[in-house]
Amino acid sequence: MPVHRRGWNAAGAGKVVRMNPSESPIAQVLAVEDNANLAGLMQRALQAEGVELTIAGSGELAMQLVREHRFDLIILNINLPGISGLEVCRRLKLNPARQRIPVIFASGETSRQFVDQAFHLGAVDYLPKPFGLEDFKTRVLAHLGLSACGTEALRARWRARQTGSGGSAPPPPGVLPRSLARILYVEDQPAVAALVQLELEQAQISVATAPTGEQGLALAHEQKFDLVLLDQWLPGINGTEVCRRLKSDPALQDVPVMFFTAYPSLTHEHEASRLGAADYLQKGVLGPRLAARILAEVELARDRTAHSRRKPPAPANQI
């Protein structure tokens, strides 16, 4: 990829940090960020992982670079000179040639309005500022490795980087040598499902996924799970209806249900609680925090089951 400009100017310049000539980057990423200091930190963090980062300081320059080059992932700030990051995302998702590129928002705007709008426009993740560079790297690398639009070569480089050259292949999704819990995640966005699956399996939580409520219910009847994690908005029946059916089924009503949604509302949260859901989380709670909430609910459910088994049987009615 050619270097467009070195340094910054009022229009918002783009620049590339070159890898060692003997190395080839595992991916090409575009970051649209007008804070030069933060952009430099992002570049150095990803360069250390073998990712080549192009920086655009404005939305207009970002659109120009996207027209001229192919990127494996795009990172967007919301507040930018000229057009906003939300508008950049909207235009990308209207472009058939670019709409499958994963978009991560990294922004200081943390209100529900902006988070909801970002996911509604098709973002796969939302990273609130200030963020830690380790968290930033983890999310970027996860989405690169799991991107549906990535080439097989990109995915192979990702796998090789994770296992080491010549190392054994990682276990298939949902298979762990020692799992602390086994859950079902019902989510219709493949990139989101894959990221959550990866992060939870790193915490030794085995994950099976289903893209629709109907398929989720079928899996829940076919297999044993310690917990069901539900998106609210799904093709066909929604998460609320899935929860209602699970809690109405004597064979499944004791399985904890947690909601994990990009579009939370008090109305849906109250309805979920009324139906018996254990928790209602907004997407963006990832990694150790999400794993901890899941394991806490699983442990509570196991304690309840053990307690009910220890209770002596009620005495028979005397005739």
C-alpha atoms as a PDB file:
ATOM      1  CA  MET A   1       0.000   0.000   0.000  1.00  0.00           C
ATOM      2  CA  PRO A   2       1.539   3.365  -0.946  1.00  0.00           C
ATOM      3  CA  VAL A   3       2.169   6.043   1.649  1.00  0.00           C
ATOM      4  CA  HIS A   4      -0.269   8.922   1.122  1.00  0.00           C
ATOM      5  CA  ARG A   5       1.367  11.532   3.337  1.00  0.00           C
ATOM      6  CA  ARG A   6       3.717  11.532   6.256  1.00  0.00           C
ATOM      7  CA  GLY A   7       2.574  13.651   9.187  1.00  0.00           C
ATOM      8  CA  TRP A   8      -0.594  15.632   9.752  1.00  0.00           C
ATOM      9  CA  ASN A   9      -2.201  18.755   8.380  1.00  0.00           C
ATOM     10  CA  ALA A  10      -5.451  20.655   8.831  1.00  0.00           C
ATOM     11  CA  ALA A  11      -7.258  18.469   6.303  1.00  0.00           C
ATOM     12  CA  GLY A  12      -6.462  15.319   8.278  1.00  0.00           C
ATOM     13  CA  ALA A  13      -3.603  13.389   6.713  1.00  0.00           C
ATOM     14  CA  GLY A  14      -3.189   9.680   6.237  1.00  0.00           C
ATOM     15  CA  LYS A  15       0.010   7.843   6.984  1.00  0.00           C
ATOM     16  CA  VAL A  16       1.332   4.294   7.142  1.00  0.00           C
ATOM     17  CA  VAL A  17       3.853   2.800   9.512  1.00  0.00           C
ATOM     18  CA  ARG A  18       5.845   0.350   7.435  1.00  0.00           C
ATOM     19  CA  MET A  19       6.660  -3.123   8.630  1.00  0.00           C
ATOM     20  CA  ASN A  20      10.157  -4.533   8.411  1.00  0.00           C
ATOM     21  CA  PRO A  21      10.755  -5.280   4.683  1.00  0.00           C
ATOM     22  CA  SER A  22      11.374  -8.926   5.564  1.00  0.00           C
ATOM     23  CA  GLU A  23       7.918  -9.169   7.164  1.00  0.00           C
ATOM     24  CA  SER A  24       4.501  -9.142   5.583  1.00  0.00           C
ATOM     25  CA  PRO A  25       1.602  -7.757   7.623  1.00  0.00           C
ATOM     26  CA  ILE A  26      -1.131 -10.158   8.620  1.00  0.00           C
ATOM     27  CA  ALA A  27      -3.739  -7.489   7.831  1.00  0.00           C
ATOM     28  CA  GLN A  28      -4.349  -3.941   6.619  1.00  0.00           C
ATOM     29  CA  VAL A  29      -6.402  -1.756   8.966  1.00  0.00           C
ATOM     30  CA  LEU A  30      -7.684   1.799   8.558  1.00  0.00           C
ATOM     31  CA  ALA A  31      -8.082   3.943  11.686  1.00  0.00           C
ATOM     32  CA  VAL A  32     -10.059   7.171  11.337  1.00  0.00           C
ATOM     33  CA  GLU A  33      -8.815   9.244  14.268  1.00  0.00           C
ATOM     34  CA  ASP A  34      -8.046  12.974  14.470  1.00  0.00           C
ATOM     35  CA  ASN A  35      -6.012  12.778  17.707  1.00  0.00           C
ATOM     36  CA  ALA A  36      -2.443  12.359  16.495  1.00  0.00           C
ATOM     37  CA  ASN A  37      -1.098  11.128  19.845  1.00  0.00           C
ATOM     38  CA  LEU A  38      -3.744   8.424  20.206  1.00  0.00           C
ATOM     39  CA  ALA A  39      -3.335   7.438  16.561  1.00  0.00           C
ATOM     40  CA  GLY A  40       0.384   6.943  17.124  1.00  0.00           C
ATOM     41  CA  LEU A  41      -0.248   4.688  20.123  1.00  0.00           C
ATOM     42  CA  MET A  42      -2.707   2.630  18.100  1.00  0.00           C
ATOM     43  CA  GLN A  43      -0.174   2.271  15.290  1.00  0.00           C
ATOM     44  CA  ARG A  44       2.594   1.076  17.554  1.00  0.00           C
ATOM     45  CA  ALA A  45       0.318  -1.355  19.373  1.00  0.00           C
ATOM     46  CA  LEU A  46      -0.870  -3.014  16.169  1.00  0.00           C
ATOM     47  CA  GLN A  47       2.502  -2.896  14.443  1.00  0.00           C
ATOM     48  CA  ALA A  48       3.863  -5.052  17.270  1.00  0.00           C
ATOM     49  CA  GLU A  49       1.209  -7.643  16.336  1.00  0.00           C
ATOM     50  CA  GLY A  50       2.042  -7.633  12.628  1.00  0.00           C
ATOM     51  CA  VAL A  51      -0.821  -5.376  11.545  1.00  0.00           C
ATOM     52  CA  GLU A  52      -0.187  -2.446   9.205  1.00  0.00           C
ATOM     53  CA  LEU A  53      -2.276   0.572  10.173  1.00  0.00           C
ATOM     54  CA  THR A  54      -3.205   3.469   7.910  1.00  0.00           C
ATOM     55  CA  ILE A  55      -4.442   6.563   9.724  1.00  0.00           C
ATOM     56  CA  ALA A  56      -6.924   9.072   8.344  1.00  0.00           C
ATOM     57  CA  GLY A  57      -7.537  12.240  10.329  1.00  0.00           C
ATOM     58  CA  SER A  58     -10.939  13.015   8.787  1.00  0.00           C
ATOM     59  CA  GLY A  59     -14.006  11.229   7.483  1.00  0.00           C
ATOM     60  CA  GLU A  60     -13.481  12.613   3.984  1.00  0.00           C
ATOM     61  CA  LEU A  61      -9.943  11.244   3.764  1.00  0.00           C
ATOM     62  CA  ALA A  62     -11.164   7.919   5.103  1.00  0.00           C
ATOM     63  CA  MET A  63     -13.719   7.618   2.296  1.00  0.00           C
ATOM     64  CA  GLN A  64     -11.002   8.436  -0.249  1.00  0.00           C
ATOM     65  CA  LEU A  65      -8.673   5.764   1.149  1.00  0.00           C
ATOM     66  CA  VAL A  66     -11.461   3.177   1.205  1.00  0.00           C
ATOM     67  CA  ARG A  67     -12.163   3.847  -2.481  1.00  0.00           C
ATOM     68  CA  GLU A  68      -8.481   3.430  -3.376  1.00  0.00           C
ATOM     69  CA  HIS A  69      -7.470   0.473  -1.201  1.00  0.00           C
ATOM     70  CA  ARG A  70      -8.809  -2.656   0.417  1.00  0.00           C
ATOM     71  CA  PHE A  71      -8.792  -2.879   4.199  1.00  0.00           C
ATOM     72  CA  ASP A  72      -9.489  -5.876   6.402  1.00  0.00           C
ATOM     73  CA  LEU A  73     -11.006  -3.750   9.186  1.00  0.00           C
ATOM     74  CA  ILE A  74     -11.873  -0.102   9.895  1.00  0.00           C
ATOM     75  CA  ILE A  75     -11.678   1.676  13.268  1.00  0.00           C
ATOM     76  CA  LEU A  76     -13.811   4.819  13.562  1.00  0.00           C
ATOM     77  CA  ASN A  77     -13.971   7.717  15.967  1.00  0.00           C
ATOM     78  CA  ILE A  78     -17.385   9.411  16.027  1.00  0.00           C
ATOM     79  CA  ASN A  79     -16.417  13.062  16.385  1.00  0.00           C
ATOM     80  CA  LEU A  80     -14.234  13.937  13.400  1.00  0.00           C
ATOM     81  CA  PRO A  81     -13.467  17.013  11.309  1.00  0.00           C
ATOM     82  CA  GLY A  82     -16.043  17.170   8.518  1.00  0.00           C
ATOM     83  CA  ILE A  83     -18.339  14.173   8.276  1.00  0.00           C
ATOM     84  CA  SER A  84     -18.725  12.122  11.444  1.00  0.00           C
ATOM     85  CA  GLY A  85     -17.683   8.540  12.012  1.00  0.00           C
ATOM     86  CA  LEU A  86     -21.343   7.519  12.053  1.00  0.00           C
ATOM     87  CA  GLU A  87     -21.808   8.998   8.578  1.00  0.00           C
ATOM     88  CA  VAL A  88     -18.647   7.250   7.355  1.00  0.00           C
ATOM     89  CA  CYS A  89     -20.059   3.946   8.624  1.00  0.00           C
ATOM     90  CA  ARG A  90     -23.422   4.597   6.996  1.00  0.00           C
ATOM     91  CA  ARG A  91     -21.772   5.256   3.604  1.00  0.00           C
ATOM     92  CA  LEU A  92     -19.577   2.173   3.924  1.00  0.00           C
ATOM     93  CA  LYS A  93     -22.550  -0.075   4.609  1.00  0.00           C
ATOM     94  CA  LEU A  94     -24.343   1.310   1.528  1.00  0.00           C
ATOM     95  CA  ASN A  95     -21.378   0.379  -0.691  1.00  0.00           C
ATOM     96  CA  PRO A  96     -21.763  -3.253  -1.866  1.00  0.00           C
ATOM     97  CA  ALA A  97     -18.009  -3.536  -2.438  1.00  0.00           C
ATOM     98  CA  ARG A  98     -17.128  -2.397   1.101  1.00  0.00           C
ATOM     99  CA  GLN A  99     -20.143  -3.175   3.287  1.00  0.00           C
ATOM    100  CA  ARG A 100     -18.699  -6.447   4.623  1.00  0.00           C
ATOM    101  CA  ILE A 101     -15.598  -4.782   6.111  1.00  0.00           C
ATOM    102  CA  PRO A 102     -15.926  -5.020   9.920  1.00  0.00           C
ATOM    103  CA  VAL A 103     -16.215  -1.625  11.621  1.00  0.00           C
ATOM    104  CA  ILE A 104     -15.188  -0.993  15.227  1.00  0.00           C
ATOM    105  CA  PHE A 105     -16.051   2.321  16.852  1.00  0.00           C
ATOM    106  CA  ALA A 106     -13.489   3.722  19.310  1.00  0.00           C
ATOM    107  CA  SER A 107     -15.056   6.834  20.745  1.00  0.00           C
ATOM    108  CA  GLY A 108     -15.431   9.017  23.790  1.00  0.00           C
ATOM    109  CA  GLU A 109     -19.172   9.158  23.126  1.00  0.00           C
ATOM    110  CA  THR A 110     -20.528   6.565  25.525  1.00  0.00           C
ATOM    111  CA  SER A 111     -24.206   7.476  25.765  1.00  0.00           C
ATOM    112  CA  ARG A 112     -26.731   4.806  24.807  1.00  0.00           C
ATOM    113  CA  GLN A 113     -27.843   6.952  21.847  1.00  0.00           C
ATOM    114  CA  PHE A 114     -24.450   6.734  20.142  1.00  0.00           C
ATOM    115  CA  VAL A 115     -23.818   3.080  21.019  1.00  0.00           C
ATOM    116  CA  ASP A 116     -27.239   2.075  19.691  1.00  0.00           C
ATOM    117  CA  GLN A 117     -26.740   4.059  16.498  1.00  0.00           C
ATOM    118  CA  ALA A 118     -23.317   2.519  15.874  1.00  0.00           C
ATOM    119  CA  PHE A 119     -24.627  -1.045  16.150  1.00  0.00           C
ATOM    120  CA  HIS A 120     -27.727  -0.147  14.142  1.00  0.00           C
ATOM    121  CA  LEU A 121     -25.454   1.036  11.312  1.00  0.00           C
ATOM    122  CA  GLY A 122     -23.648  -2.312  11.310  1.00  0.00           C
ATOM    123  CA  ALA A 123     -20.672  -1.923  13.662  1.00  0.00           C
ATOM    124  CA  VAL A 124     -19.341  -5.164  15.138  1.00  0.00           C
ATOM    125  CA  ASP A 125     -17.900  -3.604  18.299  1.00  0.00           C
ATOM    126  CA  TYR A 126     -17.838  -0.368  20.311  1.00  0.00           C
ATOM    127  CA  LEU A 127     -14.779   0.520  22.377  1.00  0.00           C
ATOM    128  CA  PRO A 128     -15.342   3.480  24.733  1.00  0.00           C
ATOM    129  CA  LYS A 129     -12.473   5.896  25.336  1.00  0.00           C
ATOM    130  CA  PRO A 130     -10.295   5.914  27.282  1.00  0.00           C
ATOM    131  CA  PHE A 131      -9.372   2.288  26.588  1.00  0.00           C
ATOM    132  CA  GLY A 132      -6.407   0.107  27.417  1.00  0.00           C
ATOM    133  CA  LEU A 133      -4.124  -0.812  24.547  1.00  0.00           C
ATOM    134  CA  GLU A 134      -4.272  -4.511  25.459  1.00  0.00           C
ATOM    135  CA  ASP A 135      -8.067  -4.461  25.231  1.00  0.00           C
ATOM    136  CA  PHE A 136      -7.795  -2.527  21.965  1.00  0.00           C
ATOM    137  CA  LYS A 137      -5.372  -5.068  20.471  1.00  0.00           C
ATOM    138  CA  THR A 138      -7.441  -8.030  21.640  1.00  0.00           C
ATOM    139  CA  ARG A 139     -10.607  -6.758  19.997  1.00  0.00           C
ATOM    140  CA  VAL A 140      -8.950  -5.713  16.744  1.00  0.00           C
ATOM    141  CA  LEU A 141      -7.074  -9.002  16.385  1.00  0.00           C
ATOM    142  CA  ALA A 142     -10.174 -11.014  17.256  1.00  0.00           C
ATOM    143  CA  HIS A 143     -12.262  -9.292  14.597  1.00  0.00           C
ATOM    144  CA  LEU A 144      -9.457  -9.654  12.049  1.00  0.00           C
ATOM    145  CA  GLY A 145      -9.185 -13.358  12.719  1.00  0.00           C
ATOM    146  CA  LEU A 146     -12.926 -13.899  12.583  1.00  0.00           C
ATOM    147  CA  SER A 147     -13.872 -11.512   9.796  1.00  0.00           C
ATOM    148  CA  ALA A 148     -16.280 -13.015   7.289  1.00  0.00           C
ATOM    149  CA  CYS A 149     -14.797 -10.822   4.558  1.00  0.00           C
ATOM    150  CA  GLY A 150     -11.203 -11.836   5.275  1.00  0.00           C
ATOM    151  CA  THR A 151      -9.404 -14.028   2.783  1.00  0.00           C
ATOM    152  CA  GLU A 152      -8.441 -17.592   3.654  1.00  0.00           C
ATOM    153  CA  ALA A 153      -4.822 -16.436   3.577  1.00  0.00           C
ATOM    154  CA  LEU A 154      -5.615 -13.829   6.238  1.00  0.00           C
ATOM    155  CA  ARG A 155      -7.325 -16.402   8.407  1.00  0.00           C
ATOM    156  CA  ALA A 156      -4.412 -18.803   7.944  1.00  0.00           C
ATOM    157  CA  ARG A 157      -1.930 -16.086   9.000  1.00  0.00           C
ATOM    158  CA  TRP A 158      -4.124 -15.367  12.022  1.00  0.00           C
ATOM    159  CA  ARG A 159      -4.190 -19.038  13.020  1.00  0.00           C
ATOM    160  CA  ALA A 160      -0.438 -19.370  12.525  1.00  0.00           C
ATOM    161  CA  ARG A 161       0.173 -16.293  14.659  1.00  0.00           C
ATOM    162  CA  GLN A 162      -2.033 -17.639  17.447  1.00  0.00           C
ATOM    163  CA  THR A 163      -0.542 -21.154  17.535  1.00  0.00           C
ATOM    164  CA  GLY A 164       3.017 -20.451  16.460  1.00  0.00           C
ATOM    165  CA  SER A 165       4.636 -21.669  13.263  1.00  0.00           C
ATOM    166  CA  GLY A 166       4.157 -25.390  12.933  1.00  0.00           C
ATOM    167  CA  GLY A 167       2.098 -25.544  16.124  1.00  0.00           C
ATOM    168  CA  SER A 168      -0.980 -27.638  16.514  1.00  0.00           C
ATOM    169  CA  ALA A 169      -4.266 -26.203  15.348  1.00  0.00           C
ATOM    170  CA  PRO A 170      -6.520 -24.639  17.985  1.00  0.00           C
ATOM    171  CA  PRO A 171      -9.497 -26.694  19.123  1.00  0.00           C
ATOM    172  CA  PRO A 172     -12.673 -26.197  17.106  1.00  0.00           C
ATOM    173  CA  PRO A 173     -15.134 -23.631  18.499  1.00  0.00           C
ATOM    174  CA  GLY A 174     -17.101 -24.994  21.426  1.00  0.00           C
ATOM    175  CA  VAL A 175     -14.513 -27.671  22.302  1.00  0.00           C
ATOM    176  CA  LEU A 176     -12.327 -27.163  25.368  1.00  0.00           C
ATOM    177  CA  PRO A 177     -10.134 -29.597  27.274  1.00  0.00           C
ATOM    178  CA  ARG A 178     -11.631 -28.327  30.563  1.00  0.00           C
ATOM    179  CA  SER A 179     -14.677 -26.109  30.454  1.00  0.00           C
ATOM    180  CA  LEU A 180     -16.087 -24.336  33.486  1.00  0.00           C
ATOM    181  CA  ALA A 181     -19.492 -24.054  31.835  1.00  0.00           C
ATOM    182  CA  ARG A 182     -21.263 -24.800  28.567  1.00  0.00           C
ATOM    183  CA  ILE A 183     -23.596 -22.139  27.216  1.00  0.00           C
ATOM    184  CA  LEU A 184     -25.825 -21.485  24.226  1.00  0.00           C
ATOM    185  CA  TYR A 185     -25.480 -18.058  22.564  1.00  0.00           C
ATOM    186  CA  VAL A 186     -28.359 -16.997  20.289  1.00  0.00           C
ATOM    187  CA  GLU A 187     -27.074 -14.176  18.040  1.00  0.00           C
ATOM    188  CA  ASP A 188     -27.817 -13.369  14.391  1.00  0.00           C
ATOM    189  CA  GLN A 189     -24.641 -11.357  13.628  1.00  0.00           C
ATOM    190  CA  PRO A 190     -21.869 -13.875  12.804  1.00  0.00           C
ATOM    191  CA  ALA A 191     -18.993 -11.511  13.633  1.00  0.00           C
ATOM    192  CA  VAL A 192     -20.442 -10.662  17.042  1.00  0.00           C
ATOM    193  CA  ALA A 193     -21.196 -14.315  17.794  1.00  0.00           C
ATOM    194  CA  ALA A 194     -17.667 -15.327  16.804  1.00  0.00           C
ATOM    195  CA  LEU A 195     -16.019 -12.627  18.929  1.00  0.00           C
ATOM    196  CA  VAL A 196     -18.062 -13.473  22.026  1.00  0.00           C
ATOM    197  CA  GLN A 197     -17.394 -17.178  21.456  1.00  0.00           C
ATOM    198  CA  LEU A 198     -13.647 -16.562  21.207  1.00  0.00           C
ATOM    199  CA  GLU A 199     -13.495 -14.405  24.329  1.00  0.00           C
ATOM    200  CA  LEU A 200     -15.618 -16.749  26.429  1.00  0.00           C
ATOM    201  CA  GLU A 201     -13.702 -19.828  25.339  1.00  0.00           C
ATOM    202  CA  GLN A 202     -10.508 -18.089  26.440  1.00  0.00           C
ATOM    203  CA  ALA A 203     -12.181 -18.025  29.881  1.00  0.00           C
ATOM    204  CA  GLN A 204     -12.884 -21.778  29.575  1.00  0.00           C
ATOM    205  CA  ILE A 205     -16.574 -21.335  28.819  1.00  0.00           C
ATOM    206  CA  SER A 206     -17.652 -23.637  25.995  1.00  0.00           C
ATOM    207  CA  VAL A 207     -20.036 -21.906  23.564  1.00  0.00           C
ATOM    208  CA  ALA A 208     -22.518 -23.230  21.009  1.00  0.00           C
ATOM    209  CA  THR A 209     -24.186 -20.644  18.792  1.00  0.00           C
ATOM    210  CA  ALA A 210     -27.517 -20.339  16.993  1.00  0.00           C
ATOM    211  CA  PRO A 211     -28.445 -17.512  14.556  1.00  0.00           C
ATOM    212  CA  THR A 212     -32.223 -17.534  15.172  1.00  0.00           C
ATOM    213  CA  GLY A 213     -34.592 -17.994  18.070  1.00  0.00           C
ATOM    214  CA  GLU A 214     -36.100 -21.078  16.489  1.00  0.00           C
ATOM    215  CA  GLN A 215     -32.702 -22.742  16.074  1.00  0.00           C
ATOM    216  CA  GLY A 216     -31.752 -21.736  19.599  1.00  0.00           C
ATOM    217  CA  LEU A 217     -34.848 -23.419  21.035  1.00  0.00           C
ATOM    218  CA  ALA A 218     -34.144 -26.563  19.015  1.00  0.00           C
ATOM    219  CA  LEU A 219     -30.569 -26.725  20.314  1.00  0.00           C
ATOM    220  CA  ALA A 220     -31.729 -26.119  23.891  1.00  0.00           C
ATOM    221  CA  HIS A 221     -33.983 -29.173  23.608  1.00  0.00           C
ATOM    222  CA  GLU A 222     -31.334 -31.335  21.954  1.00  0.00           C
ATOM    223  CA  GLN A 223     -28.345 -30.540  24.166  1.00  0.00           C
ATOM    224  CA  LYS A 224     -27.644 -29.701  27.793  1.00  0.00           C
ATOM    225  CA  PHE A 225     -26.477 -26.157  28.563  1.00  0.00           C
ATOM    226  CA  ASP A 226     -25.600 -24.408  31.802  1.00  0.00           C
ATOM    227  CA  LEU A 227     -26.914 -21.041  30.558  1.00  0.00           C
ATOM    228  CA  VAL A 228     -28.562 -19.425  27.548  1.00  0.00           C
ATOM    229  CA  LEU A 229     -27.264 -16.019  26.353  1.00  0.00           C
ATOM    230  CA  LEU A 230     -29.835 -14.201  24.190  1.00  0.00           C
ATOM    231  CA  ASP A 231     -29.804 -11.274  21.813  1.00  0.00           C
ATOM    232  CA  GLN A 232     -33.062  -9.308  22.043  1.00  0.00           C
ATOM    233  CA  TRP A 233     -33.591  -8.699  18.329  1.00  0.00           C
ATOM    234  CA  LEU A 234     -33.488 -11.861  16.225  1.00  0.00           C
ATOM    235  CA  PRO A 235     -34.897 -13.040  12.886  1.00  0.00           C
ATOM    236  CA  GLY A 236     -38.261 -14.709  13.446  1.00  0.00           C
ATOM    237  CA  ILE A 237     -39.159 -14.914  17.126  1.00  0.00           C
ATOM    238  CA  ASN A 238     -37.316 -12.396  19.288  1.00  0.00           C
ATOM    239  CA  GLY A 239     -35.289 -12.973  22.425  1.00  0.00           C
ATOM    240  CA  THR A 240     -38.194 -12.180  24.740  1.00  0.00           C
ATOM    241  CA  GLU A 241     -40.309 -14.918  23.157  1.00  0.00           C
ATOM    242  CA  VAL A 242     -37.400 -17.382  23.307  1.00  0.00           C
ATOM    243  CA  CYS A 243     -37.045 -16.635  27.014  1.00  0.00           C
ATOM    244  CA  ARG A 244     -40.796 -17.076  27.581  1.00  0.00           C
ATOM    245  CA  ARG A 245     -40.774 -20.489  25.875  1.00  0.00           C
ATOM    246  CA  LEU A 246     -37.699 -21.638  27.787  1.00  0.00           C
ATOM    247  CA  LYS A 247     -39.212 -20.643  31.118  1.00  0.00           C
ATOM    248  CA  SER A 248     -42.524 -22.304  30.209  1.00  0.00           C
ATOM    249  CA  ASP A 249     -40.844 -25.650  29.524  1.00  0.00           C
ATOM    250  CA  PRO A 250     -40.483 -27.811  32.673  1.00  0.00           C
ATOM    251  CA  ALA A 251     -37.371 -29.434  31.215  1.00  0.00           C
ATOM    252  CA  LEU A 252     -35.616 -26.088  30.601  1.00  0.00           C
ATOM    253  CA  GLN A 253     -37.103 -23.608  33.059  1.00  0.00           C
ATOM    254  CA  ASP A 254     -34.216 -23.943  35.518  1.00  0.00           C
ATOM    255  CA  VAL A 255     -31.550 -23.057  32.920  1.00  0.00           C
ATOM    256  CA  PRO A 256     -30.427 -19.450  33.578  1.00  0.00           C
ATOM    257  CA  VAL A 257     -31.148 -16.978  30.766  1.00  0.00           C
ATOM    258  CA  MET A 258     -29.182 -13.767  30.232  1.00  0.00           C
ATOM    259  CA  PHE A 259     -29.912 -11.096  27.644  1.00  0.00           C
ATOM    260  CA  PHE A 260     -27.028  -9.511  25.729  1.00  0.00           C
ATOM    261  CA  THR A 261     -28.282  -6.788  23.412  1.00  0.00           C
ATOM    262  CA  ALA A 262     -27.176  -3.679  21.539  1.00  0.00           C
ATOM    263  CA  TYR A 263     -30.610  -2.071  21.936  1.00  0.00           C
ATOM    264  CA  PRO A 264     -31.480  -2.175  25.636  1.00  0.00           C
ATOM    265  CA  SER A 265     -34.679  -0.599  26.902  1.00  0.00           C
ATOM    266  CA  LEU A 266     -36.307  -0.481  30.320  1.00  0.00           C
ATOM    267  CA  THR A 267     -39.479  -1.988  28.877  1.00  0.00           C
ATOM    268  CA  HIS A 268     -37.658  -5.032  27.510  1.00  0.00           C
ATOM    269  CA  GLU A 269     -35.499  -5.303  30.635  1.00  0.00           C
ATOM    270  CA  HIS A 270     -38.575  -5.342  32.890  1.00  0.00           C
ATOM    271  CA  GLU A 271     -40.253  -7.919  30.656  1.00  0.00           C
ATOM    272  CA  ALA A 272     -37.129 -10.096  30.685  1.00  0.00           C
ATOM    273  CA  SER A 273     -36.993  -9.916  34.488  1.00  0.00           C
ATOM    274  CA  ARG A 274     -40.708 -10.764  34.749  1.00  0.00           C
ATOM    275  CA  LEU A 275     -40.144 -13.848  32.583  1.00  0.00           C
ATOM    276  CA  GLY A 276     -37.324 -15.019  34.827  1.00  0.00           C
ATOM    277  CA  ALA A 277     -34.146 -13.811  33.064  1.00  0.00           C
ATOM    278  CA  ALA A 278     -31.139 -13.694  35.390  1.00  0.00           C
ATOM    279  CA  ASP A 279     -29.480 -10.624  33.844  1.00  0.00           C
ATOM    280  CA  TYR A 280     -29.834  -8.036  31.081  1.00  0.00           C
ATOM    281  CA  LEU A 281     -26.566  -6.708  29.646  1.00  0.00           C
ATOM    282  CA  GLN A 282     -25.704  -4.210  26.937  1.00  0.00           C
ATOM    283  CA  LYS A 283     -23.269  -5.300  24.254  1.00  0.00           C
ATOM    284  CA  GLY A 284     -19.869  -3.844  24.966  1.00  0.00           C
ATOM    285  CA  VAL A 285     -19.492  -5.862  28.183  1.00  0.00           C
ATOM    286  CA  LEU A 286     -16.905  -8.317  26.884  1.00  0.00           C
ATOM    287  CA  GLY A 287     -13.967 -10.387  27.997  1.00  0.00           C
ATOM    288  CA  PRO A 288     -13.492 -11.128  31.706  1.00  0.00           C
ATOM    289  CA  ARG A 289     -16.508  -9.047  32.783  1.00  0.00           C
ATOM    290  CA  LEU A 290     -18.959 -10.997  30.635  1.00  0.00           C
ATOM    291  CA  ALA A 291     -17.346 -14.306  31.580  1.00  0.00           C
ATOM    292  CA  ALA A 292     -17.562 -13.427  35.280  1.00  0.00           C
ATOM    293  CA  ARG A 293     -21.281 -12.594  35.027  1.00  0.00           C
ATOM    294  CA  ILE A 294     -21.983 -15.852  33.206  1.00  0.00           C
ATOM    295  CA  LEU A 295     -19.998 -18.009  35.637  1.00  0.00           C
ATOM    296  CA  ALA A 296     -21.668 -16.321  38.610  1.00  0.00           C
ATOM    297  CA  GLU A 297     -25.133 -17.189  37.265  1.00  0.00           C
ATOM    298  CA  VAL A 298     -24.066 -20.740  36.418  1.00  0.00           C
ATOM    299  CA  GLU A 299     -22.698 -21.221  39.933  1.00  0.00           C
ATOM    300  CA  LEU A 300     -25.914 -19.897  41.493  1.00  0.00           C
ATOM    301  CA  ALA A 301     -27.973 -22.282  39.352  1.00  0.00           C
ATOM    302  CA  ARG A 302     -25.771 -25.210  40.358  1.00  0.00           C
ATOM    303  CA  ASP A 303     -26.125 -24.282  44.023  1.00  0.00           C
ATOM    304  CA  ARG A 304     -29.910 -24.158  43.668  1.00  0.00           C
ATOM    305  CA  THR A 305     -29.937 -27.562  42.004  1.00  0.00           C
ATOM    306  CA  ALA A 306     -27.705 -29.095  44.676  1.00  0.00           C
ATOM    307  CA  HIS A 307     -29.846 -27.596  47.441  1.00  0.00           C
ATOM    308  CA  SER A 308     -33.069 -28.930  45.927  1.00  0.00           C
ATOM    309  CA  ARG A 309     -31.553 -32.421  45.729  1.00  0.00           C
ATOM    310  CA  ARG A 310     -30.577 -32.320  49.411  1.00  0.00           C
ATOM    311  CA  LYS A 311     -34.084 -31.379  50.572  1.00  0.00           C
ATOM    312  CA  PRO A 312     -35.917 -34.330  52.163  1.00  0.00           C
ATOM    313  CA  PRO A 313     -39.050 -35.469  50.367  1.00  0.00           C
ATOM    314  CA  ALA A 314     -42.301 -34.064  51.645  1.00  0.00           C
ATOM    315  CA  PRO A 315     -44.225 -36.542  53.841  1.00  0.00           C
ATOM    316  CA  ALA A 316     -47.018 -38.385  52.109  1.00  0.00           C
ATOM    317  CA  ASN A 317     -50.541 -37.318  53.022  1.00  0.00           C
ATOM    318  CA  GLN A 318     -52.077 -39.535  55.640  1.00  0.00           C
ATOM    319  CA  ILE A 319     -55.299 -41.243  54.596  1.00  0.00           C
END
